[in-house]
């Protein structure tokens, strides 16, 4: 059976796996974005705090994904839970780092002007600083998503959802008729999803970033 015949025969299952893959990455990115921006907001004014936040999240990223999921299995079991926890932790670094850089890069004169017209500290953050820091934050989200697309494939090790199951089944049956087709289908599917997500982020950037501050 050639690759195209394999896709035709298994397209329904592949679409289901692709949907699960995209869904778990999207949900983890939402959580990682909220957590990452909150961490950045809490630490960016302090040189020590910002460096500590970046160091901590970068240390998490150095843990091999297979080891991370393996360590989580005894604690939270198999399935979705270890996948979500691992992906969320891995997604933090680019968001935290870019959010800190973006917030620190806001022109102090604009913050002083906002304070001068009576804005509260919260209003300054929500209406001035975060909107101006949004371009680097969005870049961090894009980078995190691309990373998580690949890392999510390892979730199959813990019976997690997604296209990793297709790849693992192929690797486990190397030498069989469809082994290469399975690995190729899972890999190509992940690449396509990554490109679609990135195109979505480009569109979001065009809709939310004023032309004057667009990179």
N, C-alpha and C. Protein backbone atom coordinates (compact mmCIF):
# COMPACT_ATOMS: atom_id res chain seq x y z
N UNK A 1 0.85 -1.20 0.00
CA UNK A 1 0.00 0.00 0.00
C UNK A 1 0.88 1.25 0.00
N UNK A 2 0.66 2.15 -0.97
CA UNK A 2 1.45 3.37 -0.97
C UNK A 2 0.87 4.39 0.00
N UNK A 3 1.59 5.52 0.12
CA UNK A 3 1.22 6.51 1.13
C UNK A 3 -0.17 7.08 0.89
N UNK A 4 -0.51 7.38 -0.36
CA UNK A 4 -1.80 7.99 -0.65
C UNK A 4 -2.96 7.02 -0.40
N UNK A 5 -2.72 5.76 -0.68
CA UNK A 5 -3.74 4.76 -0.37
C UNK A 5 -3.94 4.63 1.13
N UNK A 6 -2.84 4.69 1.86
CA UNK A 6 -2.92 4.64 3.32
C UNK A 6 -3.75 5.81 3.85
N UNK A 7 -3.48 7.01 3.33
CA UNK A 7 -4.25 8.19 3.76
C UNK A 7 -5.74 8.03 3.44
N UNK A 8 -6.02 7.50 2.28
CA UNK A 8 -7.41 7.32 1.90
C UNK A 8 -8.13 6.32 2.79
N UNK A 9 -7.44 5.27 3.19
CA UNK A 9 -8.07 4.25 4.02
C UNK A 9 -8.19 4.66 5.48
N UNK A 10 -7.26 5.49 5.94
CA UNK A 10 -7.22 5.84 7.37
C UNK A 10 -7.52 7.31 7.63
N UNK A 11 -8.08 8.00 6.66
CA UNK A 11 -8.23 9.45 6.81
C UNK A 11 -9.10 9.84 8.00
N UNK A 12 -10.13 9.06 8.31
CA UNK A 12 -11.02 9.41 9.41
C UNK A 12 -10.28 9.37 10.75
N UNK A 13 -9.50 8.31 10.97
CA UNK A 13 -8.73 8.20 12.20
C UNK A 13 -7.65 9.26 12.27
N UNK A 14 -7.02 9.53 11.13
CA UNK A 14 -5.98 10.56 11.10
C UNK A 14 -6.54 11.94 11.41
N UNK A 15 -7.72 12.23 10.89
CA UNK A 15 -8.35 13.52 11.18
C UNK A 15 -8.71 13.63 12.66
N UNK A 16 -9.17 12.53 13.24
CA UNK A 16 -9.49 12.52 14.67
C UNK A 16 -8.23 12.77 15.51
N UNK A 17 -7.14 12.08 15.16
CA UNK A 17 -5.88 12.27 15.87
C UNK A 17 -5.36 13.69 15.69
N UNK A 18 -5.51 14.24 14.48
CA UNK A 18 -5.06 15.61 14.23
C UNK A 18 -5.86 16.61 15.04
N UNK A 19 -7.18 16.40 15.13
CA UNK A 19 -8.02 17.29 15.93
C UNK A 19 -7.62 17.24 17.40
N UNK A 20 -7.38 16.04 17.91
CA UNK A 20 -6.97 15.89 19.31
C UNK A 20 -5.61 16.56 19.54
N UNK A 21 -4.71 16.41 18.58
CA UNK A 21 -3.38 17.02 18.69
C UNK A 21 -3.50 18.54 18.75
N UNK A 22 -4.26 19.10 17.81
CA UNK A 22 -4.43 20.55 17.76
C UNK A 22 -5.14 21.05 19.01
N UNK A 23 -6.12 20.29 19.49
CA UNK A 23 -6.89 20.71 20.66
C UNK A 23 -6.03 20.78 21.91
N UNK A 24 -5.22 19.74 22.13
CA UNK A 24 -4.42 19.73 23.36
C UNK A 24 -3.35 20.82 23.31
N UNK A 25 -2.76 21.06 22.14
CA UNK A 25 -1.76 22.13 22.02
C UNK A 25 -2.42 23.49 22.25
N UNK A 26 -3.59 23.71 21.66
CA UNK A 26 -4.28 24.99 21.82
C UNK A 26 -4.62 25.24 23.29
N UNK A 27 -5.18 24.25 23.95
CA UNK A 27 -5.57 24.42 25.35
C UNK A 27 -4.36 24.69 26.24
N UNK A 28 -3.28 23.96 25.99
CA UNK A 28 -2.07 24.18 26.78
C UNK A 28 -1.47 25.55 26.51
N UNK A 29 -1.57 26.03 25.27
CA UNK A 29 -1.05 27.35 24.96
C UNK A 29 -1.86 28.44 25.63
N UNK A 30 -3.17 28.26 25.75
CA UNK A 30 -3.99 29.25 26.47
C UNK A 30 -3.54 29.35 27.92
N UNK A 31 -3.37 28.20 28.56
CA UNK A 31 -2.95 28.18 29.97
C UNK A 31 -1.54 28.75 30.10
N UNK A 32 -0.62 28.32 29.21
CA UNK A 32 0.76 28.79 29.28
C UNK A 32 0.85 30.30 29.04
N UNK A 33 0.01 30.81 28.14
CA UNK A 33 0.02 32.25 27.87
C UNK A 33 -0.46 33.04 29.08
N UNK A 34 -1.57 32.62 29.67
CA UNK A 34 -2.07 33.31 30.86
C UNK A 34 -1.05 33.26 32.00
N UNK A 35 -0.49 32.06 32.25
CA UNK A 35 0.48 31.92 33.33
C UNK A 35 1.75 32.70 33.02
N UNK A 36 2.22 32.62 31.78
CA UNK A 36 3.46 33.30 31.42
C UNK A 36 3.36 34.81 31.53
N UNK A 37 2.25 35.37 31.08
CA UNK A 37 2.07 36.82 31.17
C UNK A 37 1.94 37.25 32.63
N UNK A 38 1.24 36.48 33.44
CA UNK A 38 1.13 36.81 34.87
C UNK A 38 2.50 36.77 35.55
N UNK A 39 3.31 35.77 35.22
CA UNK A 39 4.66 35.69 35.78
C UNK A 39 5.47 36.90 35.36
N UNK A 40 5.36 37.28 34.10
CA UNK A 40 6.12 38.44 33.59
C UNK A 40 5.67 39.73 34.28
N UNK A 41 4.35 39.89 34.42
CA UNK A 41 3.82 41.10 35.07
C UNK A 41 4.31 41.19 36.52
N UNK A 42 4.41 40.04 37.17
CA UNK A 42 4.83 40.02 38.57
C UNK A 42 6.32 40.25 38.76
N UNK A 43 7.12 40.03 37.70
CA UNK A 43 8.58 40.06 37.89
C UNK A 43 9.33 41.08 37.04
N UNK A 44 8.71 41.67 36.02
CA UNK A 44 9.50 42.44 35.07
C UNK A 44 10.11 43.71 35.66
N UNK A 45 9.54 44.25 36.72
CA UNK A 45 10.07 45.47 37.32
C UNK A 45 11.33 45.21 38.15
N UNK A 46 11.52 43.95 38.51
CA UNK A 46 12.69 43.58 39.32
C UNK A 46 13.70 42.86 38.44
N UNK A 47 14.93 43.34 38.43
CA UNK A 47 15.97 42.68 37.64
C UNK A 47 16.17 41.24 38.12
N UNK A 48 16.21 41.09 39.43
CA UNK A 48 16.40 39.74 40.00
C UNK A 48 15.20 38.86 39.72
N UNK A 49 14.00 39.42 39.90
CA UNK A 49 12.78 38.64 39.69
C UNK A 49 12.64 38.18 38.25
N UNK A 50 12.91 39.07 37.31
CA UNK A 50 12.81 38.72 35.90
C UNK A 50 13.82 37.66 35.50
N UNK A 51 15.04 37.81 36.01
CA UNK A 51 16.08 36.82 35.70
C UNK A 51 15.74 35.46 36.31
N UNK A 52 15.18 35.47 37.52
CA UNK A 52 14.82 34.22 38.18
C UNK A 52 13.68 33.52 37.41
N UNK A 53 12.70 34.29 36.97
CA UNK A 53 11.59 33.71 36.21
C UNK A 53 12.09 33.10 34.90
N UNK A 54 12.98 33.80 34.22
CA UNK A 54 13.53 33.29 32.96
C UNK A 54 14.38 32.05 33.20
N UNK A 55 15.20 32.09 34.26
CA UNK A 55 16.06 30.95 34.57
C UNK A 55 15.24 29.72 34.92
N UNK A 56 14.18 29.92 35.71
CA UNK A 56 13.35 28.79 36.14
C UNK A 56 12.66 28.14 34.95
N UNK A 57 12.06 28.95 34.09
CA UNK A 57 11.35 28.38 32.94
C UNK A 57 12.31 27.79 31.92
N UNK A 58 13.50 28.34 31.80
CA UNK A 58 14.48 27.76 30.88
C UNK A 58 15.01 26.44 31.42
N UNK A 59 15.12 26.32 32.73
CA UNK A 59 15.55 25.06 33.34
C UNK A 59 14.53 23.96 33.07
N UNK A 60 13.25 24.30 33.15
CA UNK A 60 12.20 23.32 32.84
C UNK A 60 12.35 22.81 31.42
N UNK A 61 12.69 23.72 30.52
CA UNK A 61 12.80 23.35 29.11
C UNK A 61 13.97 22.41 28.83
N UNK A 62 14.96 22.37 29.73
CA UNK A 62 16.11 21.49 29.52
C UNK A 62 15.79 20.04 29.89
N UNK A 63 14.69 19.81 30.60
CA UNK A 63 14.33 18.44 30.96
C UNK A 63 13.81 17.72 29.71
N UNK A 64 14.38 16.58 29.33
CA UNK A 64 13.88 15.87 28.15
C UNK A 64 12.39 15.56 28.28
N UNK A 65 11.66 15.76 27.19
CA UNK A 65 10.20 15.60 27.24
C UNK A 65 9.78 14.20 27.66
N UNK A 66 10.50 13.19 27.19
CA UNK A 66 10.15 11.81 27.56
C UNK A 66 10.35 11.60 29.05
N UNK A 67 11.41 12.19 29.60
CA UNK A 67 11.66 12.08 31.04
C UNK A 67 10.60 12.83 31.83
N UNK A 68 10.24 14.01 31.36
CA UNK A 68 9.22 14.80 32.05
C UNK A 68 7.90 14.03 32.15
N UNK A 69 7.45 13.49 31.03
CA UNK A 69 6.19 12.74 31.03
C UNK A 69 6.32 11.49 31.88
N UNK A 70 7.48 10.83 31.81
CA UNK A 70 7.71 9.64 32.63
C UNK A 70 7.65 9.95 34.11
N UNK A 71 8.18 11.10 34.53
CA UNK A 71 8.13 11.49 35.93
C UNK A 71 6.72 11.85 36.39
N UNK A 72 5.92 12.34 35.45
CA UNK A 72 4.56 12.76 35.81
C UNK A 72 3.59 11.58 35.90
N UNK A 73 3.87 10.50 35.17
CA UNK A 73 2.94 9.36 35.15
C UNK A 73 2.65 8.80 36.55
N UNK A 74 3.67 8.57 37.41
CA UNK A 74 3.36 8.04 38.75
C UNK A 74 2.53 9.01 39.60
N UNK A 75 2.59 10.29 39.27
CA UNK A 75 1.90 11.30 40.08
C UNK A 75 0.46 11.50 39.61
N UNK A 76 0.26 11.64 38.29
CA UNK A 76 -1.08 11.97 37.77
C UNK A 76 -1.66 10.88 36.88
N UNK A 77 -0.91 9.81 36.64
CA UNK A 77 -1.43 8.71 35.83
C UNK A 77 -1.20 8.92 34.34
N UNK A 78 -1.75 8.01 33.55
CA UNK A 78 -1.63 8.07 32.10
C UNK A 78 -2.71 8.95 31.48
N UNK A 79 -2.54 9.25 30.18
CA UNK A 79 -3.60 9.95 29.46
C UNK A 79 -3.34 11.43 29.29
N UNK A 80 -4.41 12.20 29.44
CA UNK A 80 -4.35 13.63 29.13
C UNK A 80 -3.59 14.43 30.18
N UNK A 81 -3.72 14.07 31.45
CA UNK A 81 -3.14 14.88 32.54
C UNK A 81 -1.64 15.11 32.40
N UNK A 82 -0.80 14.06 32.26
CA UNK A 82 0.63 14.33 32.12
C UNK A 82 0.96 15.11 30.86
N UNK A 83 0.18 14.90 29.81
CA UNK A 83 0.39 15.63 28.56
C UNK A 83 0.16 17.13 28.76
N UNK A 84 -0.95 17.48 29.37
CA UNK A 84 -1.30 18.89 29.58
C UNK A 84 -0.28 19.57 30.49
N UNK A 85 0.09 18.91 31.58
CA UNK A 85 1.05 19.52 32.52
C UNK A 85 2.39 19.74 31.84
N UNK A 86 2.89 18.72 31.14
CA UNK A 86 4.19 18.84 30.49
C UNK A 86 4.19 19.92 29.42
N UNK A 87 3.18 19.93 28.57
CA UNK A 87 3.14 20.91 27.49
C UNK A 87 3.02 22.34 28.03
N UNK A 88 2.21 22.51 29.06
CA UNK A 88 2.06 23.85 29.65
C UNK A 88 3.38 24.34 30.21
N UNK A 89 4.11 23.47 30.92
CA UNK A 89 5.40 23.86 31.49
C UNK A 89 6.41 24.19 30.39
N UNK A 90 6.43 23.37 29.33
CA UNK A 90 7.37 23.62 28.24
C UNK A 90 7.04 24.90 27.48
N UNK A 91 5.78 25.28 27.47
CA UNK A 91 5.37 26.46 26.72
C UNK A 91 5.67 27.78 27.40
N UNK A 92 6.10 27.75 28.66
CA UNK A 92 6.25 28.98 29.43
C UNK A 92 7.41 29.86 29.00
N UNK A 93 8.58 29.27 28.73
CA UNK A 93 9.80 30.07 28.56
C UNK A 93 9.68 31.17 27.50
N UNK A 94 9.33 30.86 26.24
CA UNK A 94 9.30 31.94 25.25
C UNK A 94 8.30 33.04 25.62
N UNK A 95 7.19 32.67 26.26
CA UNK A 95 6.18 33.66 26.61
C UNK A 95 6.67 34.54 27.75
N UNK A 96 7.20 33.91 28.79
CA UNK A 96 7.72 34.68 29.94
C UNK A 96 8.84 35.61 29.49
N UNK A 97 9.79 35.08 28.76
CA UNK A 97 10.94 35.88 28.32
C UNK A 97 10.51 37.04 27.43
N UNK A 98 9.66 36.77 26.45
CA UNK A 98 9.23 37.84 25.53
C UNK A 98 8.35 38.86 26.22
N UNK A 99 7.50 38.40 27.15
CA UNK A 99 6.64 39.34 27.87
C UNK A 99 7.47 40.27 28.75
N UNK A 100 8.49 39.73 29.40
CA UNK A 100 9.37 40.57 30.22
C UNK A 100 10.10 41.59 29.35
N UNK A 101 10.64 41.12 28.24
CA UNK A 101 11.34 42.03 27.32
C UNK A 101 10.38 43.11 26.79
N UNK A 102 9.17 42.70 26.43
CA UNK A 102 8.20 43.65 25.91
C UNK A 102 7.78 44.69 26.94
N UNK A 103 7.51 44.25 28.14
CA UNK A 103 7.09 45.18 29.19
C UNK A 103 8.21 46.13 29.58
N UNK A 104 9.43 45.61 29.62
CA UNK A 104 10.56 46.48 29.97
C UNK A 104 10.88 47.46 28.84
N UNK A 105 10.46 47.13 27.63
CA UNK A 105 10.75 47.99 26.49
C UNK A 105 9.76 49.12 26.27
N UNK A 106 8.70 49.16 27.07
CA UNK A 106 7.71 50.24 26.93
C UNK A 106 8.35 51.57 27.32
N UNK A 107 8.15 52.58 26.51
CA UNK A 107 8.72 53.91 26.77
C UNK A 107 8.22 54.44 28.11
N UNK A 108 9.12 54.72 29.06
CA UNK A 108 8.70 55.24 30.38
C UNK A 108 7.91 56.53 30.26
N UNK A 109 8.17 57.31 29.22
CA UNK A 109 7.44 58.57 29.05
C UNK A 109 5.95 58.31 28.86
N UNK A 110 5.60 57.22 28.17
CA UNK A 110 4.19 56.89 27.96
C UNK A 110 3.54 56.47 29.27
N UNK A 111 4.27 55.75 30.08
CA UNK A 111 3.74 55.34 31.39
C UNK A 111 3.56 56.57 32.28
N UNK A 112 4.53 57.48 32.25
CA UNK A 112 4.42 58.71 33.04
C UNK A 112 3.23 59.54 32.58
N UNK A 113 3.01 59.59 31.26
CA UNK A 113 1.87 60.35 30.74
C UNK A 113 0.56 59.73 31.21
N UNK A 114 0.49 58.40 31.20
CA UNK A 114 -0.72 57.72 31.67
C UNK A 114 -0.94 57.99 33.14
N UNK A 115 0.12 57.99 33.91
CA UNK A 115 0.00 58.29 35.33
C UNK A 115 -0.42 59.74 35.54
N UNK A 116 0.09 60.61 34.66
CA UNK A 116 -0.22 62.03 34.80
C UNK A 116 -1.68 62.35 34.55
N UNK A 117 -2.37 61.55 33.75
CA UNK A 117 -3.79 61.81 33.50
C UNK A 117 -4.69 61.05 34.47
N UNK A 118 -4.05 60.46 35.49
CA UNK A 118 -4.85 59.86 36.56
C UNK A 118 -5.12 58.38 36.44
N UNK A 119 -4.45 57.69 35.53
CA UNK A 119 -4.66 56.24 35.41
C UNK A 119 -4.11 55.52 36.63
N UNK A 120 -4.84 54.52 37.08
CA UNK A 120 -4.35 53.69 38.17
C UNK A 120 -3.24 52.77 37.64
N UNK A 121 -2.54 52.12 38.58
CA UNK A 121 -1.47 51.22 38.18
C UNK A 121 -2.02 50.09 37.29
N UNK A 122 -3.18 49.57 37.64
CA UNK A 122 -3.79 48.50 36.85
C UNK A 122 -4.17 49.00 35.46
N UNK A 123 -4.73 50.21 35.41
CA UNK A 123 -5.12 50.77 34.11
C UNK A 123 -3.90 51.02 33.24
N UNK A 124 -2.81 51.48 33.82
CA UNK A 124 -1.58 51.69 33.05
C UNK A 124 -1.11 50.37 32.44
N UNK A 125 -1.18 49.31 33.24
CA UNK A 125 -0.73 48.01 32.77
C UNK A 125 -1.62 47.49 31.65
N UNK A 126 -2.94 47.56 31.84
CA UNK A 126 -3.87 46.97 30.89
C UNK A 126 -4.06 47.82 29.63
N UNK A 127 -3.97 49.13 29.75
CA UNK A 127 -4.29 50.01 28.62
C UNK A 127 -3.05 50.57 27.93
N UNK A 128 -1.89 50.52 28.58
CA UNK A 128 -0.68 51.09 27.97
C UNK A 128 0.41 50.04 27.80
N UNK A 129 0.84 49.45 28.90
CA UNK A 129 2.02 48.59 28.86
C UNK A 129 1.77 47.27 28.11
N UNK A 130 0.72 46.54 28.49
CA UNK A 130 0.47 45.26 27.83
C UNK A 130 0.16 45.40 26.33
N UNK A 131 -0.66 46.39 25.93
CA UNK A 131 -0.87 46.55 24.48
C UNK A 131 0.41 46.83 23.71
N UNK A 132 1.32 47.64 24.29
CA UNK A 132 2.58 47.93 23.61
C UNK A 132 3.52 46.73 23.64
N UNK A 133 3.38 45.88 24.65
CA UNK A 133 4.23 44.68 24.75
C UNK A 133 3.65 43.51 23.97
N UNK A 134 2.45 43.67 23.40
CA UNK A 134 1.78 42.56 22.74
C UNK A 134 2.57 41.97 21.56
N UNK A 135 3.23 42.77 20.70
CA UNK A 135 3.96 42.16 19.58
C UNK A 135 5.01 41.13 20.03
N UNK A 136 5.90 41.44 20.99
CA UNK A 136 6.85 40.40 21.42
C UNK A 136 6.16 39.25 22.15
N UNK A 137 5.07 39.52 22.87
CA UNK A 137 4.34 38.44 23.52
C UNK A 137 3.78 37.47 22.48
N UNK A 138 3.20 38.02 21.41
CA UNK A 138 2.65 37.17 20.35
C UNK A 138 3.76 36.36 19.69
N UNK A 139 4.93 36.95 19.53
CA UNK A 139 6.06 36.20 18.98
C UNK A 139 6.42 35.03 19.88
N UNK A 140 6.41 35.27 21.19
CA UNK A 140 6.67 34.19 22.14
C UNK A 140 5.63 33.08 22.05
N UNK A 141 4.37 33.46 21.86
CA UNK A 141 3.30 32.47 21.71
C UNK A 141 3.51 31.63 20.46
N UNK A 142 3.92 32.28 19.38
CA UNK A 142 4.18 31.55 18.13
C UNK A 142 5.31 30.54 18.31
N UNK A 143 6.38 30.98 18.95
CA UNK A 143 7.52 30.08 19.17
C UNK A 143 7.12 28.90 20.05
N UNK A 144 6.38 29.18 21.12
CA UNK A 144 5.94 28.12 22.03
C UNK A 144 5.06 27.11 21.30
N UNK A 145 4.16 27.60 20.48
CA UNK A 145 3.25 26.70 19.76
C UNK A 145 4.01 25.77 18.83
N UNK A 146 4.99 26.30 18.12
CA UNK A 146 5.79 25.46 17.22
C UNK A 146 6.52 24.38 18.00
N UNK A 147 7.06 24.73 19.17
CA UNK A 147 7.73 23.74 20.00
C UNK A 147 6.77 22.67 20.48
N UNK A 148 5.62 23.10 20.97
CA UNK A 148 4.67 22.16 21.55
C UNK A 148 4.07 21.22 20.51
N UNK A 149 3.97 21.65 19.27
CA UNK A 149 3.47 20.77 18.23
C UNK A 149 4.31 19.51 18.14
N UNK A 150 5.63 19.69 18.20
CA UNK A 150 6.52 18.54 18.14
C UNK A 150 6.55 17.76 19.45
N UNK A 151 6.62 18.48 20.57
CA UNK A 151 6.71 17.81 21.87
C UNK A 151 5.44 17.01 22.15
N UNK A 152 4.30 17.49 21.68
CA UNK A 152 3.03 16.79 21.94
C UNK A 152 3.02 15.38 21.38
N UNK A 153 3.85 15.13 20.36
CA UNK A 153 3.91 13.78 19.79
C UNK A 153 4.41 12.77 20.82
N UNK A 154 5.26 13.23 21.76
CA UNK A 154 5.80 12.33 22.79
C UNK A 154 4.71 11.91 23.76
N UNK A 155 3.59 12.63 23.77
CA UNK A 155 2.50 12.31 24.70
C UNK A 155 1.96 10.91 24.49
N UNK A 156 2.17 10.35 23.32
CA UNK A 156 1.71 8.99 23.05
C UNK A 156 2.36 7.99 24.01
N UNK A 157 3.54 8.33 24.51
CA UNK A 157 4.24 7.47 25.47
C UNK A 157 3.39 7.27 26.72
N UNK A 158 2.59 8.30 27.07
CA UNK A 158 1.73 8.23 28.27
C UNK A 158 0.27 8.03 27.89
N UNK A 159 0.04 7.44 26.72
CA UNK A 159 -1.33 7.22 26.23
C UNK A 159 -2.08 8.52 26.04
N UNK A 160 -1.34 9.58 25.72
CA UNK A 160 -1.96 10.87 25.49
C UNK A 160 -2.55 10.96 24.09
N UNK A 161 -3.29 12.03 23.83
CA UNK A 161 -3.96 12.18 22.53
C UNK A 161 -3.03 12.72 21.47
N UNK A 162 -3.43 12.55 20.21
CA UNK A 162 -2.73 13.23 19.13
C UNK A 162 -2.06 12.32 18.13
N UNK A 163 -1.35 12.96 17.21
CA UNK A 163 -0.71 12.26 16.10
C UNK A 163 0.51 11.46 16.52
N UNK A 164 0.98 11.69 17.72
CA UNK A 164 2.09 10.89 18.22
C UNK A 164 1.77 9.41 18.27
N UNK A 165 0.50 9.09 18.49
CA UNK A 165 0.09 7.68 18.51
C UNK A 165 0.34 7.02 17.17
N UNK A 166 0.09 7.75 16.08
CA UNK A 166 0.33 7.21 14.75
C UNK A 166 1.82 6.95 14.55
N UNK A 167 2.64 7.91 14.96
CA UNK A 167 4.09 7.79 14.81
C UNK A 167 4.61 6.62 15.65
N UNK A 168 4.18 6.52 16.90
CA UNK A 168 4.65 5.45 17.78
C UNK A 168 4.23 4.08 17.26
N UNK A 169 3.01 3.98 16.71
CA UNK A 169 2.58 2.70 16.15
C UNK A 169 3.47 2.30 14.98
N UNK A 170 3.83 3.27 14.16
CA UNK A 170 4.72 2.99 13.05
C UNK A 170 6.10 2.56 13.51
N UNK A 171 6.64 3.26 14.51
CA UNK A 171 7.96 2.91 15.02
C UNK A 171 7.96 1.54 15.68
N UNK A 172 6.84 1.20 16.32
CA UNK A 172 6.75 -0.10 17.00
C UNK A 172 6.62 -1.26 16.03
N UNK A 173 6.26 -0.96 14.78
CA UNK A 173 6.05 -2.03 13.80
C UNK A 173 6.96 -1.87 12.59
N UNK A 174 8.17 -1.32 12.82
CA UNK A 174 9.11 -1.13 11.71
C UNK A 174 9.37 -2.45 10.99
N UNK A 175 9.32 -2.40 9.69
CA UNK A 175 9.46 -3.61 8.89
C UNK A 175 8.15 -4.10 8.33
N UNK A 176 7.04 -3.64 8.93
CA UNK A 176 5.73 -4.04 8.42
C UNK A 176 5.35 -3.15 7.23
N UNK A 177 4.27 -3.52 6.57
CA UNK A 177 3.89 -2.84 5.32
C UNK A 177 3.59 -1.37 5.52
N UNK A 178 2.93 -1.01 6.63
CA UNK A 178 2.46 0.37 6.81
C UNK A 178 3.29 1.18 7.81
N UNK A 179 4.38 0.62 8.29
CA UNK A 179 5.15 1.31 9.32
C UNK A 179 5.61 2.70 8.85
N UNK A 180 6.22 2.74 7.67
CA UNK A 180 6.71 4.02 7.16
C UNK A 180 5.56 4.97 6.87
N UNK A 181 4.44 4.45 6.36
CA UNK A 181 3.28 5.29 6.09
C UNK A 181 2.76 5.94 7.38
N UNK A 182 2.75 5.17 8.47
CA UNK A 182 2.26 5.70 9.74
C UNK A 182 3.16 6.82 10.25
N UNK A 183 4.46 6.57 10.25
CA UNK A 183 5.41 7.59 10.72
C UNK A 183 5.30 8.84 9.85
N UNK A 184 5.23 8.65 8.55
CA UNK A 184 5.16 9.80 7.62
C UNK A 184 3.85 10.56 7.78
N UNK A 185 2.74 9.83 7.94
CA UNK A 185 1.44 10.50 8.10
C UNK A 185 1.41 11.33 9.37
N UNK A 186 1.90 10.78 10.47
CA UNK A 186 1.92 11.53 11.72
C UNK A 186 2.81 12.75 11.65
N UNK A 187 3.98 12.58 11.03
CA UNK A 187 4.93 13.69 10.94
C UNK A 187 4.40 14.81 10.04
N UNK A 188 3.90 14.44 8.87
CA UNK A 188 3.35 15.44 7.95
C UNK A 188 2.15 16.14 8.58
N UNK A 189 1.32 15.38 9.29
CA UNK A 189 0.17 15.98 9.96
C UNK A 189 0.57 17.05 10.96
N UNK A 190 1.62 16.76 11.74
CA UNK A 190 2.10 17.74 12.73
C UNK A 190 2.66 18.98 12.04
N UNK A 191 3.38 18.79 10.96
CA UNK A 191 3.93 19.93 10.21
C UNK A 191 2.80 20.81 9.67
N UNK A 192 1.77 20.19 9.12
CA UNK A 192 0.64 20.95 8.58
C UNK A 192 -0.06 21.73 9.68
N UNK A 193 -0.28 21.08 10.82
CA UNK A 193 -0.93 21.77 11.94
C UNK A 193 -0.09 22.96 12.40
N UNK A 194 1.22 22.77 12.48
CA UNK A 194 2.10 23.87 12.90
C UNK A 194 2.01 25.05 11.95
N UNK A 195 1.97 24.77 10.64
CA UNK A 195 1.85 25.84 9.65
C UNK A 195 0.51 26.55 9.74
N UNK A 196 -0.56 25.78 9.98
CA UNK A 196 -1.89 26.39 10.11
C UNK A 196 -1.98 27.28 11.35
N UNK A 197 -1.44 26.80 12.46
CA UNK A 197 -1.43 27.62 13.68
C UNK A 197 -0.64 28.90 13.45
N UNK A 198 0.52 28.78 12.80
CA UNK A 198 1.35 29.96 12.59
C UNK A 198 0.65 30.96 11.68
N UNK A 199 -0.04 30.47 10.67
CA UNK A 199 -0.81 31.37 9.79
C UNK A 199 -1.90 32.08 10.59
N UNK A 200 -2.51 31.36 11.52
CA UNK A 200 -3.51 31.98 12.38
C UNK A 200 -2.92 33.09 13.23
N UNK A 201 -1.71 32.86 13.75
CA UNK A 201 -1.06 33.89 14.57
C UNK A 201 -0.70 35.12 13.73
N UNK A 202 -0.28 34.88 12.50
CA UNK A 202 0.02 36.02 11.62
C UNK A 202 -1.24 36.86 11.41
N UNK A 203 -2.37 36.20 11.21
CA UNK A 203 -3.63 36.92 11.04
C UNK A 203 -4.01 37.67 12.31
N UNK A 204 -3.85 37.02 13.46
CA UNK A 204 -4.14 37.69 14.74
C UNK A 204 -3.26 38.93 14.89
N UNK A 205 -1.98 38.79 14.52
CA UNK A 205 -1.08 39.93 14.62
C UNK A 205 -1.52 41.10 13.74
N UNK A 206 -1.98 40.79 12.54
CA UNK A 206 -2.43 41.86 11.63
C UNK A 206 -3.70 42.53 12.15
N UNK A 207 -4.51 41.78 12.85
CA UNK A 207 -5.78 42.32 13.36
C UNK A 207 -5.60 43.08 14.68
N UNK A 208 -4.57 42.73 15.44
CA UNK A 208 -4.46 43.29 16.80
C UNK A 208 -3.28 44.23 17.00
N UNK A 209 -2.33 44.23 16.07
CA UNK A 209 -1.16 45.09 16.24
C UNK A 209 -1.27 46.29 15.29
N UNK A 210 -1.32 47.50 15.82
CA UNK A 210 -1.40 48.69 14.94
C UNK A 210 -0.22 48.73 13.98
N UNK A 211 -0.48 49.23 12.79
CA UNK A 211 0.56 49.26 11.75
C UNK A 211 1.79 50.02 12.23
N UNK A 212 1.61 51.04 13.04
CA UNK A 212 2.73 51.85 13.48
C UNK A 212 3.72 51.13 14.36
N UNK A 213 3.29 50.08 15.10
CA UNK A 213 4.22 49.37 15.97
C UNK A 213 4.46 47.95 15.48
N UNK A 214 3.90 47.59 14.31
CA UNK A 214 4.09 46.25 13.78
C UNK A 214 5.53 46.08 13.32
N UNK A 215 6.14 44.94 13.72
CA UNK A 215 7.54 44.71 13.38
C UNK A 215 7.71 44.53 11.88
